């Protein structure tokens, strides 16, 4: 039996941390790609609006990510939680600004909460946790960025429609 050294323990801890960081980064990238896919589907990629009518320039994106509390956030800042298998999950909001017209204010943001789960180095799952009966959506990381989110984007749009149905 080999005796483990302090350096062996440190190296193992660093490798463990690197795996956790890599998994979290993979999940954050998939969240970013989902935001882009929704914006592209709706023709809103890189489109912005003025937060207030009298603001000098448009700065608010029509599609943006928020943290689990609803605070606007970059994808790379979203906090992850880890399960017993050391797989991260991230709960975030995907917010879409609705409007009656480009010059009509205020805009009406709709935020749906989504949880992204890291399943393996090649797949993640998206779930709308606050909406009963919504299926989960598995996504293969290696699939084409445009088509791999089709079901999630369609579910998002249907849930927004449902939100405004009397």
C-alpha atoms as a PDB file:
ATOM      1  CA  UNK A   1       0.000   0.000   0.000  1.00  0.00           C
ATOM      2  CA  UNK A   2       1.349   3.379  -1.050  1.00  0.00           C
ATOM      3  CA  UNK A   3       1.513   6.102   1.544  1.00  0.00           C
ATOM      4  CA  UNK A   4      -0.249   9.251   0.441  1.00  0.00           C
ATOM      5  CA  UNK A   5       1.628  12.485   0.837  1.00  0.00           C
ATOM      6  CA  UNK A   6       0.307  15.928   1.545  1.00  0.00           C
ATOM      7  CA  UNK A   7       1.006  16.831  -2.095  1.00  0.00           C
ATOM      8  CA  UNK A   8      -1.102  13.849  -3.234  1.00  0.00           C
ATOM      9  CA  UNK A   9      -4.013  15.094  -1.156  1.00  0.00           C
ATOM     10  CA  UNK A  10      -3.636  18.645  -2.473  1.00  0.00           C
ATOM     11  CA  UNK A  11      -3.453  17.421  -6.063  1.00  0.00           C
ATOM     12  CA  UNK A  12      -6.586  15.303  -5.620  1.00  0.00           C
ATOM     13  CA  UNK A  13      -8.469  18.256  -4.128  1.00  0.00           C
ATOM     14  CA  UNK A  14      -7.414  20.469  -7.042  1.00  0.00           C
ATOM     15  CA  UNK A  15      -8.538  17.865  -9.585  1.00  0.00           C
ATOM     16  CA  UNK A  16     -11.872  17.561  -7.760  1.00  0.00           C
ATOM     17  CA  UNK A  17     -12.355  21.346  -7.829  1.00  0.00           C
ATOM     18  CA  UNK A  18     -11.444  21.477 -11.528  1.00  0.00           C
ATOM     19  CA  UNK A  19     -14.142  18.903 -12.337  1.00  0.00           C
ATOM     20  CA  UNK A  20     -16.749  20.891 -10.388  1.00  0.00           C
ATOM     21  CA  UNK A  21     -15.704  24.122 -12.117  1.00  0.00           C
ATOM     22  CA  UNK A  22     -15.817  22.468 -15.537  1.00  0.00           C
ATOM     23  CA  UNK A  23     -19.294  21.036 -14.938  1.00  0.00           C
ATOM     24  CA  UNK A  24     -20.600  24.371 -13.694  1.00  0.00           C
ATOM     25  CA  UNK A  25     -19.093  26.140 -16.719  1.00  0.00           C
ATOM     26  CA  UNK A  26     -20.749  23.629 -19.059  1.00  0.00           C
ATOM     27  CA  UNK A  27     -24.125  24.264 -17.453  1.00  0.00           C
ATOM     28  CA  UNK A  28     -23.689  28.048 -17.593  1.00  0.00           C
ATOM     29  CA  UNK A  29     -22.772  27.843 -21.287  1.00  0.00           C
ATOM     30  CA  UNK A  30     -25.931  25.845 -22.018  1.00  0.00           C
ATOM     31  CA  UNK A  31     -27.993  28.497 -20.218  1.00  0.00           C
ATOM     32  CA  UNK A  32     -26.332  31.173 -22.357  1.00  0.00           C
ATOM     33  CA  UNK A  33     -27.080  29.197 -25.501  1.00  0.00           C
ATOM     34  CA  UNK A  34     -30.731  28.780 -24.428  1.00  0.00           C
ATOM     35  CA  UNK A  35     -31.058  32.562 -23.999  1.00  0.00           C
ATOM     36  CA  UNK A  36     -29.565  33.108 -27.445  1.00  0.00           C
ATOM     37  CA  UNK A  37     -31.825  30.443 -28.987  1.00  0.00           C
ATOM     38  CA  UNK A  38     -34.958  32.107 -27.556  1.00  0.00           C
ATOM     39  CA  UNK A  39     -33.819  35.553 -28.718  1.00  0.00           C
ATOM     40  CA  UNK A  40     -33.050  34.230 -32.209  1.00  0.00           C
ATOM     41  CA  UNK A  41     -36.362  32.382 -32.422  1.00  0.00           C
ATOM     42  CA  UNK A  42     -38.235  35.594 -31.610  1.00  0.00           C
ATOM     43  CA  UNK A  43     -36.056  37.837 -33.788  1.00  0.00           C
ATOM     44  CA  UNK A  44     -34.737  39.682 -30.740  1.00  0.00           C
ATOM     45  CA  UNK A  45     -31.065  38.756 -30.791  1.00  0.00           C
ATOM     46  CA  UNK A  46     -28.996  41.829 -29.879  1.00  0.00           C
ATOM     47  CA  UNK A  47     -32.128  44.002 -29.799  1.00  0.00           C
ATOM     48  CA  UNK A  48     -32.383  46.362 -26.853  1.00  0.00           C
ATOM     49  CA  UNK A  49     -34.826  48.945 -25.560  1.00  0.00           C
ATOM     50  CA  UNK A  50     -34.660  51.965 -23.304  1.00  0.00           C
ATOM     51  CA  UNK A  51     -35.364  51.052 -19.705  1.00  0.00           C
ATOM     52  CA  UNK A  52     -37.188  54.360 -19.279  1.00  0.00           C
ATOM     53  CA  UNK A  53     -38.671  56.369 -22.124  1.00  0.00           C
ATOM     54  CA  UNK A  54     -36.385  59.358 -21.466  1.00  0.00           C
ATOM     55  CA  UNK A  55     -33.154  57.309 -21.292  1.00  0.00           C
ATOM     56  CA  UNK A  56     -30.586  58.491 -23.854  1.00  0.00           C
ATOM     57  CA  UNK A  57     -29.954  55.098 -25.465  1.00  0.00           C
ATOM     58  CA  UNK A  58     -31.420  51.594 -25.499  1.00  0.00           C
ATOM     59  CA  UNK A  59     -29.486  49.298 -23.183  1.00  0.00           C
ATOM     60  CA  UNK A  60     -31.899  46.638 -21.919  1.00  0.00           C
ATOM     61  CA  UNK A  61     -31.970  43.367 -23.873  1.00  0.00           C
ATOM     62  CA  UNK A  62     -35.402  42.002 -24.747  1.00  0.00           C
ATOM     63  CA  UNK A  63     -34.291  38.545 -23.580  1.00  0.00           C
ATOM     64  CA  UNK A  64     -32.136  38.315 -20.481  1.00  0.00           C
ATOM     65  CA  UNK A  65     -31.100  36.038 -17.659  1.00  0.00           C
ATOM     66  CA  UNK A  66     -31.803  36.725 -14.006  1.00  0.00           C
ATOM     67  CA  UNK A  67     -30.646  34.866 -10.948  1.00  0.00           C
ATOM     68  CA  UNK A  68     -33.107  32.817  -8.910  1.00  0.00           C
ATOM     69  CA  UNK A  69     -34.175  35.977  -7.047  1.00  0.00           C
ATOM     70  CA  UNK A  70     -34.971  37.892 -10.234  1.00  0.00           C
ATOM     71  CA  UNK A  71     -31.883  40.111 -10.260  1.00  0.00           C
ATOM     72  CA  UNK A  72     -30.384  40.549 -13.759  1.00  0.00           C
ATOM     73  CA  UNK A  73     -27.247  38.467 -14.041  1.00  0.00           C
ATOM     74  CA  UNK A  74     -24.697  37.301 -16.556  1.00  0.00           C
ATOM     75  CA  UNK A  75     -24.773  33.561 -17.107  1.00  0.00           C
ATOM     76  CA  UNK A  76     -21.231  33.184 -15.779  1.00  0.00           C
ATOM     77  CA  UNK A  77     -22.301  34.630 -12.414  1.00  0.00           C
ATOM     78  CA  UNK A  78     -25.181  32.221 -11.759  1.00  0.00           C
ATOM     79  CA  UNK A  79     -24.736  30.185  -8.588  1.00  0.00           C
ATOM     80  CA  UNK A  80     -24.780  26.413  -8.741  1.00  0.00           C
ATOM     81  CA  UNK A  81     -25.829  23.825  -6.204  1.00  0.00           C
ATOM     82  CA  UNK A  82     -24.423  20.302  -6.308  1.00  0.00           C
ATOM     83  CA  UNK A  83     -26.158  16.970  -5.756  1.00  0.00           C
ATOM     84  CA  UNK A  84     -24.652  13.933  -4.024  1.00  0.00           C
ATOM     85  CA  UNK A  85     -22.980  12.898  -7.307  1.00  0.00           C
ATOM     86  CA  UNK A  86     -21.332  16.335  -7.561  1.00  0.00           C
ATOM     87  CA  UNK A  87     -23.477  17.359 -10.532  1.00  0.00           C
ATOM     88  CA  UNK A  88     -24.488  21.025 -10.521  1.00  0.00           C
ATOM     89  CA  UNK A  89     -27.909  22.497 -11.037  1.00  0.00           C
ATOM     90  CA  UNK A  90     -28.680  26.156 -11.534  1.00  0.00           C
ATOM     91  CA  UNK A  91     -32.034  27.820 -11.027  1.00  0.00           C
ATOM     92  CA  UNK A  92     -32.407  31.005 -13.039  1.00  0.00           C
ATOM     93  CA  UNK A  93     -34.993  33.241 -14.622  1.00  0.00           C
ATOM     94  CA  UNK A  94     -35.368  33.690 -18.357  1.00  0.00           C
ATOM     95  CA  UNK A  95     -37.014  37.074 -18.854  1.00  0.00           C
ATOM     96  CA  UNK A  96     -38.707  38.350 -21.983  1.00  0.00           C
ATOM     97  CA  UNK A  97     -39.780  41.998 -22.301  1.00  0.00           C
ATOM     98  CA  UNK A  98     -43.183  42.293 -23.984  1.00  0.00           C
ATOM     99  CA  UNK A  99     -44.516  45.502 -25.471  1.00  0.00           C
ATOM    100  CA  UNK A 100     -47.467  46.983 -27.303  1.00  0.00           C
ATOM    101  CA  UNK A 101     -45.004  48.748 -29.614  1.00  0.00           C
ATOM    102  CA  UNK A 102     -41.332  49.756 -29.740  1.00  0.00           C
ATOM    103  CA  UNK A 103     -42.104  53.246 -28.401  1.00  0.00           C
ATOM    104  CA  UNK A 104     -44.706  52.156 -25.853  1.00  0.00           C
ATOM    105  CA  UNK A 105     -43.683  52.212 -22.180  1.00  0.00           C
ATOM    106  CA  UNK A 106     -43.432  50.637 -19.746  1.00  0.00           C
ATOM    107  CA  UNK A 107     -42.321  47.294 -21.173  1.00  0.00           C
ATOM    108  CA  UNK A 108     -43.834  44.249 -19.516  1.00  0.00           C
ATOM    109  CA  UNK A 109     -41.194  41.724 -18.466  1.00  0.00           C
ATOM    110  CA  UNK A 110     -42.288  38.112 -18.142  1.00  0.00           C
ATOM    111  CA  UNK A 111     -39.949  35.925 -16.104  1.00  0.00           C
ATOM    112  CA  UNK A 112     -40.168  32.160 -16.049  1.00  0.00           C
ATOM    113  CA  UNK A 113     -38.012  30.227 -13.611  1.00  0.00           C
ATOM    114  CA  UNK A 114     -36.029  27.339 -15.062  1.00  0.00           C
ATOM    115  CA  UNK A 115     -33.683  24.868 -13.424  1.00  0.00           C
ATOM    116  CA  UNK A 116     -30.846  23.455 -15.499  1.00  0.00           C
ATOM    117  CA  UNK A 117     -29.370  20.131 -14.389  1.00  0.00           C
ATOM    118  CA  UNK A 118     -25.988  18.793 -15.436  1.00  0.00           C
ATOM    119  CA  UNK A 119     -26.512  15.110 -16.274  1.00  0.00           C
ATOM    120  CA  UNK A 120     -23.228  14.208 -17.967  1.00  0.00           C
ATOM    121  CA  UNK A 121     -20.502  15.799 -20.032  1.00  0.00           C
ATOM    122  CA  UNK A 122     -22.826  15.463 -23.013  1.00  0.00           C
ATOM    123  CA  UNK A 123     -26.282  16.254 -21.647  1.00  0.00           C
ATOM    124  CA  UNK A 124     -28.275  18.636 -19.497  1.00  0.00           C
ATOM    125  CA  UNK A 125     -31.931  18.847 -18.557  1.00  0.00           C
ATOM    126  CA  UNK A 126     -34.140  21.939 -18.297  1.00  0.00           C
ATOM    127  CA  UNK A 127     -37.198  21.993 -16.027  1.00  0.00           C
ATOM    128  CA  UNK A 128     -39.780  24.701 -15.289  1.00  0.00           C
ATOM    129  CA  UNK A 129     -40.029  23.923 -11.539  1.00  0.00           C
ATOM    130  CA  UNK A 130     -42.845  26.336 -10.647  1.00  0.00           C
ATOM    131  CA  UNK A 131     -45.271  25.063 -13.275  1.00  0.00           C
ATOM    132  CA  UNK A 132     -47.078  21.801 -12.590  1.00  0.00           C
ATOM    133  CA  UNK A 133     -47.234  19.237 -15.339  1.00  0.00           C
ATOM    134  CA  UNK A 134     -44.421  20.713 -17.414  1.00  0.00           C
ATOM    135  CA  UNK A 135     -42.150  17.992 -18.731  1.00  0.00           C
ATOM    136  CA  UNK A 136     -38.396  18.158 -18.447  1.00  0.00           C
ATOM    137  CA  UNK A 137     -36.362  18.719 -21.573  1.00  0.00           C
ATOM    138  CA  UNK A 138     -33.154  16.818 -22.178  1.00  0.00           C
ATOM    139  CA  UNK A 139     -30.560  18.530 -24.354  1.00  0.00           C
ATOM    140  CA  UNK A 140     -27.510  16.921 -25.920  1.00  0.00           C
ATOM    141  CA  UNK A 141     -24.648  19.371 -25.607  1.00  0.00           C
ATOM    142  CA  UNK A 142     -23.028  18.343 -28.891  1.00  0.00           C
ATOM    143  CA  UNK A 143     -26.172  18.920 -30.969  1.00  0.00           C
ATOM    144  CA  UNK A 144     -26.582  21.968 -33.200  1.00  0.00           C
ATOM    145  CA  UNK A 145     -27.097  25.116 -31.092  1.00  0.00           C
ATOM    146  CA  UNK A 146     -30.179  26.154 -33.072  1.00  0.00           C
ATOM    147  CA  UNK A 147     -32.078  22.880 -32.994  1.00  0.00           C
ATOM    148  CA  UNK A 148     -31.152  21.439 -29.602  1.00  0.00           C
ATOM    149  CA  UNK A 149     -33.250  24.006 -27.734  1.00  0.00           C
ATOM    150  CA  UNK A 150     -36.319  23.839 -29.994  1.00  0.00           C
ATOM    151  CA  UNK A 151     -38.495  22.029 -27.454  1.00  0.00           C
ATOM    152  CA  UNK A 152     -37.416  24.213 -24.525  1.00  0.00           C
ATOM    153  CA  UNK A 153     -37.985  27.428 -26.512  1.00  0.00           C
ATOM    154  CA  UNK A 154     -41.400  26.234 -27.685  1.00  0.00           C
ATOM    155  CA  UNK A 155     -42.384  25.282 -24.121  1.00  0.00           C
ATOM    156  CA  UNK A 156     -41.229  28.704 -22.896  1.00  0.00           C
ATOM    157  CA  UNK A 157     -43.374  30.478 -25.508  1.00  0.00           C
ATOM    158  CA  UNK A 158     -46.389  28.281 -24.732  1.00  0.00           C
ATOM    159  CA  UNK A 159     -46.015  28.979 -21.000  1.00  0.00           C
ATOM    160  CA  UNK A 160     -45.838  32.729 -21.648  1.00  0.00           C
ATOM    161  CA  UNK A 161     -49.018  32.433 -23.735  1.00  0.00           C
ATOM    162  CA  UNK A 162     -50.643  30.476 -20.902  1.00  0.00           C
ATOM    163  CA  UNK A 163     -49.617  33.212 -18.455  1.00  0.00           C
ATOM    164  CA  UNK A 164     -51.700  35.723 -20.387  1.00  0.00           C
ATOM    165  CA  UNK A 165     -54.700  33.507 -21.095  1.00  0.00           C
ATOM    166  CA  UNK A 166     -57.924  34.191 -19.221  1.00  0.00           C
END
